[in-house]
Amino acid sequence: MTVFVGLTGGICSGKSTISKILKDCGIPIVDADQLGHKAYAPGTSCFQKLVDNFGSSIVAEDGSINRRALGAIVFSEKSKMQELNAIVWPEIRQLIIEEIDTFRKETSSVPIVVVEAAIMIEAKWYDLFDQVWVVVTDESTAIQRLISRNSLTEEQARQRLAAQTSNDDRIQHANSVISNDSATTVEALTTTVNELLLSISASSPL
């Protein structure tokens, strides 16, 4: 029986690092952000709804959605973010369900599958999973990582963090919490991940 784990956390909390560790352990990873790209693809109903709501300025030269341009719109006004979520979240949820169903039907021998989804708590997707793992980091570390990664000003980074749900809200839905502050090493994270995987293996009929 496959155990489905939802992996989530705030911006720059270290979800990708945890996913890489899991991949190195041979665990299949479903990336909800990649499913989002699929939902945004030209020709889909989601694509057309986005253009209708936010205008042609969000369409890149190659005809795809310019997510940076879209982000500039929705992160500056709460109502715009709500419009985006109402369009995109149901589409991505359905794609996640399809991925889970595929694993259930075709790869029952896979003991654990992890779905990485940054907005899992906000979108209330946690009901799709057997366990939820939340990666947390302190605000100052997240800000510095975001400034470095996205070339943002400190004000812009703080704005992005303020637009998301809090770690406290995420933790309320967590089966396990993974701390990844500035002093946390990859080795320590690897140890934590291995302990969580062993815990699942020990408690699940495989």
Protein backbone atom coordinates (compact mmCIF):
# COMPACT_ATOMS: atom_id res chain seq x y z
CA MET A 1 0.00 0.00 0.00
CA THR A 2 1.44 3.32 -1.10
CA VAL A 3 1.66 6.13 1.47
CA PHE A 4 1.15 9.59 -0.02
CA VAL A 5 2.98 12.41 1.72
CA GLY A 6 2.27 16.08 1.16
CA LEU A 7 5.40 18.24 1.51
CA THR A 8 4.88 21.94 2.04
CA GLY A 9 6.41 25.07 3.57
CA GLY A 10 6.80 28.79 3.03
CA ILE A 11 8.82 30.60 0.41
CA CYS A 12 12.51 29.67 0.66
CA SER A 13 11.90 27.30 3.56
CA GLY A 14 13.88 24.55 1.83
CA LYS A 15 11.21 22.36 0.24
CA SER A 16 13.38 21.80 -2.82
CA THR A 17 16.28 20.68 -0.66
CA ILE A 18 14.05 18.12 1.06
CA SER A 19 12.73 16.96 -2.32
CA LYS A 20 16.28 16.43 -3.57
CA ILE A 21 17.13 14.36 -0.50
CA LEU A 22 13.98 12.29 -1.05
CA LYS A 23 14.84 11.78 -4.73
CA ASP A 24 18.32 10.61 -3.71
CA CYS A 25 16.55 8.05 -1.50
CA GLY A 26 14.60 6.82 -4.52
CA ILE A 27 11.29 8.39 -3.51
CA PRO A 28 9.06 9.56 -6.41
CA ILE A 29 8.30 13.29 -6.24
CA VAL A 30 5.27 14.98 -7.76
CA ASP A 31 5.92 18.73 -8.08
CA ALA A 32 2.71 20.76 -7.87
CA ASP A 33 4.53 23.76 -9.32
CA GLN A 34 5.22 21.75 -12.48
CA LEU A 35 1.57 20.75 -12.54
CA GLY A 36 0.82 24.46 -12.30
CA HIS A 37 2.86 25.04 -15.45
CA LYS A 38 0.79 22.32 -17.10
CA ALA A 39 -2.42 24.02 -15.98
CA TYR A 40 -1.17 27.36 -17.34
CA ALA A 41 -0.31 25.91 -20.75
CA PRO A 42 -1.65 27.71 -23.86
CA GLY A 43 -4.85 26.15 -25.12
CA THR A 44 -6.13 25.12 -21.70
CA SER A 45 -9.25 26.58 -20.13
CA CYS A 46 -7.10 27.80 -17.25
CA PHE A 47 -4.86 29.77 -19.64
CA GLN A 48 -7.83 31.53 -21.20
CA LYS A 49 -9.35 32.36 -17.81
CA LEU A 50 -6.05 33.91 -16.71
CA VAL A 51 -5.80 36.09 -19.81
CA ASP A 52 -9.45 37.12 -19.51
CA ASN A 53 -8.95 38.14 -15.88
CA PHE A 54 -5.48 39.70 -15.93
CA GLY A 55 -5.03 40.90 -19.50
CA SER A 56 -2.73 40.13 -22.40
CA SER A 57 0.26 41.71 -20.61
CA ILE A 58 0.76 38.41 -18.76
CA VAL A 59 1.37 36.55 -22.02
CA ALA A 60 5.05 36.18 -22.92
CA GLU A 61 6.49 36.50 -26.43
CA ASP A 62 6.41 32.72 -26.83
CA GLY A 63 2.69 32.64 -26.05
CA SER A 64 3.02 31.17 -22.55
CA ILE A 65 2.01 32.80 -19.29
CA ASN A 66 4.74 35.12 -18.01
CA ARG A 67 4.58 34.09 -14.36
CA ARG A 68 6.86 36.91 -13.27
CA ALA A 69 4.51 39.48 -14.83
CA LEU A 70 1.52 37.71 -13.33
CA GLY A 71 3.23 37.63 -9.95
CA ALA A 72 3.85 41.37 -10.06
CA ILE A 73 0.10 41.88 -10.42
CA VAL A 74 -1.19 39.46 -7.83
CA PHE A 75 1.38 40.10 -5.10
CA SER A 76 0.55 43.81 -5.10
CA GLU A 77 -3.19 43.46 -4.51
CA LYS A 78 -4.93 40.88 -2.32
CA SER A 79 -8.10 40.74 -4.45
CA LYS A 80 -6.01 39.89 -7.52
CA MET A 81 -4.34 37.05 -5.67
CA GLN A 82 -7.76 35.72 -4.69
CA GLU A 83 -8.87 35.85 -8.34
CA LEU A 84 -5.77 33.90 -9.37
CA ASN A 85 -6.27 31.28 -6.68
CA ALA A 86 -9.91 30.76 -7.59
CA ILE A 87 -8.87 30.00 -11.17
CA VAL A 88 -5.71 27.95 -10.68
CA TRP A 89 -6.08 26.00 -7.44
CA PRO A 90 -8.96 23.75 -8.58
CA GLU A 91 -7.07 22.95 -11.79
CA ILE A 92 -3.90 21.94 -9.94
CA ARG A 93 -5.84 19.95 -7.35
CA GLN A 94 -7.37 17.87 -10.13
CA LEU A 95 -3.95 17.25 -11.67
CA ILE A 96 -2.62 16.11 -8.28
CA ILE A 97 -5.54 13.70 -7.91
CA GLU A 98 -4.77 12.29 -11.35
CA GLU A 99 -1.12 11.75 -10.40
CA ILE A 100 -2.10 10.01 -7.18
CA ASP A 101 -4.59 7.79 -9.02
CA THR A 102 -1.90 6.84 -11.52
CA PHE A 103 0.44 5.68 -8.74
CA ARG A 104 -2.38 3.76 -7.08
CA LYS A 105 -3.27 1.95 -10.28
CA GLU A 106 0.10 1.38 -11.90
CA THR A 107 2.81 1.37 -9.22
CA SER A 108 1.34 -0.19 -6.11
CA SER A 109 4.79 -1.56 -5.31
CA VAL A 110 6.05 1.99 -4.60
CA PRO A 111 5.81 2.35 -0.81
CA ILE A 112 5.99 6.16 -0.55
CA VAL A 113 5.17 9.00 -2.96
CA VAL A 114 5.75 12.65 -2.02
CA VAL A 115 3.82 15.58 -3.49
CA GLU A 116 5.59 18.92 -3.05
CA ALA A 117 3.09 21.79 -2.94
CA ALA A 118 3.92 25.22 -1.54
CA ILE A 119 0.26 26.23 -1.23
CA MET A 120 -1.06 22.96 0.14
CA ILE A 121 -2.45 24.48 3.33
CA GLU A 122 -3.92 27.61 1.72
CA ALA A 123 -5.58 25.53 -1.00
CA LYS A 124 -6.77 22.90 1.51
CA TRP A 125 -5.19 20.05 -0.45
CA TYR A 126 -3.99 18.31 2.73
CA ASP A 127 -7.02 16.02 2.64
CA LEU A 128 -5.42 14.26 -0.35
CA PHE A 129 -2.52 12.86 1.69
CA ASP A 130 -1.85 10.26 4.36
CA GLN A 131 0.75 12.52 5.98
CA VAL A 132 1.73 16.17 5.74
CA TRP A 133 5.32 17.30 6.28
CA VAL A 134 5.93 21.01 6.83
CA VAL A 135 9.34 22.62 6.30
CA VAL A 136 9.88 25.75 8.39
CA THR A 137 12.53 28.43 8.62
CA ASP A 138 12.71 31.72 10.50
CA GLU A 139 11.62 34.95 8.82
CA SER A 140 15.06 36.56 8.56
CA THR A 141 16.53 33.47 6.88
CA ALA A 142 13.61 33.26 4.45
CA ILE A 143 14.01 36.96 3.56
CA GLN A 144 17.74 36.63 2.89
CA ARG A 145 17.22 33.50 0.77
CA LEU A 146 14.44 35.18 -1.20
CA ILE A 147 16.50 38.33 -1.85
CA SER A 148 19.38 36.18 -3.08
CA ARG A 149 17.29 33.79 -5.17
CA ASN A 150 14.89 36.24 -6.83
CA SER A 151 16.99 39.43 -6.84
CA LEU A 152 14.32 41.25 -4.82
CA THR A 153 14.61 44.21 -2.49
CA GLU A 154 14.04 43.54 1.20
CA GLU A 155 10.67 45.31 0.96
CA GLN A 156 9.61 43.10 -1.96
CA ALA A 157 10.75 39.98 -0.10
CA ARG A 158 8.78 40.97 2.98
CA GLN A 159 5.74 41.60 0.78
CA ARG A 160 5.98 38.09 -0.68
CA LEU A 161 6.26 36.55 2.79
CA ALA A 162 3.35 38.59 4.12
CA ALA A 163 1.14 37.35 1.28
CA GLN A 164 1.40 33.72 2.37
CA THR A 165 0.00 31.81 5.33
CA SER A 166 2.00 31.60 8.55
CA ASN A 167 4.14 28.72 9.75
CA ASP A 168 1.77 28.37 12.71
CA ASP A 169 -1.13 27.73 10.34
CA ARG A 170 0.89 25.16 8.39
CA ILE A 171 2.03 23.36 11.53
CA GLN A 172 -1.59 22.88 12.64
CA HIS A 173 -2.01 20.47 9.72
CA ALA A 174 1.41 18.79 9.99
CA ASN A 175 2.17 15.23 10.96
CA SER A 176 5.86 16.17 10.96
CA VAL A 177 7.74 19.48 11.06
CA ILE A 178 11.21 19.82 9.51
CA SER A 179 13.27 22.78 10.73
CA ASN A 180 15.61 24.32 8.16
CA ASP A 181 17.09 27.52 9.57
CA SER A 182 20.34 29.13 8.44
CA ALA A 183 22.42 26.90 10.71
CA THR A 184 20.80 23.64 9.54
CA THR A 185 23.11 21.46 7.46
CA VAL A 186 22.14 19.19 4.58
CA GLU A 187 23.47 16.30 6.62
CA ALA A 188 21.07 17.13 9.46
CA LEU A 189 18.16 17.40 7.02
CA THR A 190 19.10 14.07 5.46
CA THR A 191 19.07 12.43 8.87
CA THR A 192 15.63 13.89 9.61
CA VAL A 193 14.23 12.74 6.27
CA ASN A 194 15.62 9.23 6.70
CA GLU A 195 14.04 9.00 10.17
CA LEU A 196 10.66 10.05 8.76
CA LEU A 197 10.89 7.50 5.95
CA LEU A 198 11.82 4.75 8.40
CA SER A 199 8.87 5.73 10.59
CA ILE A 200 6.49 5.35 7.64
CA SER A 201 8.03 2.04 6.63
CA ALA A 202 7.72 0.71 10.17
CA SER A 203 4.09 1.69 10.56
CA SER A 204 2.73 0.90 7.09
CA PRO A 205 1.86 -2.52 5.65
CA LEU A 206 3.96 -2.61 2.47
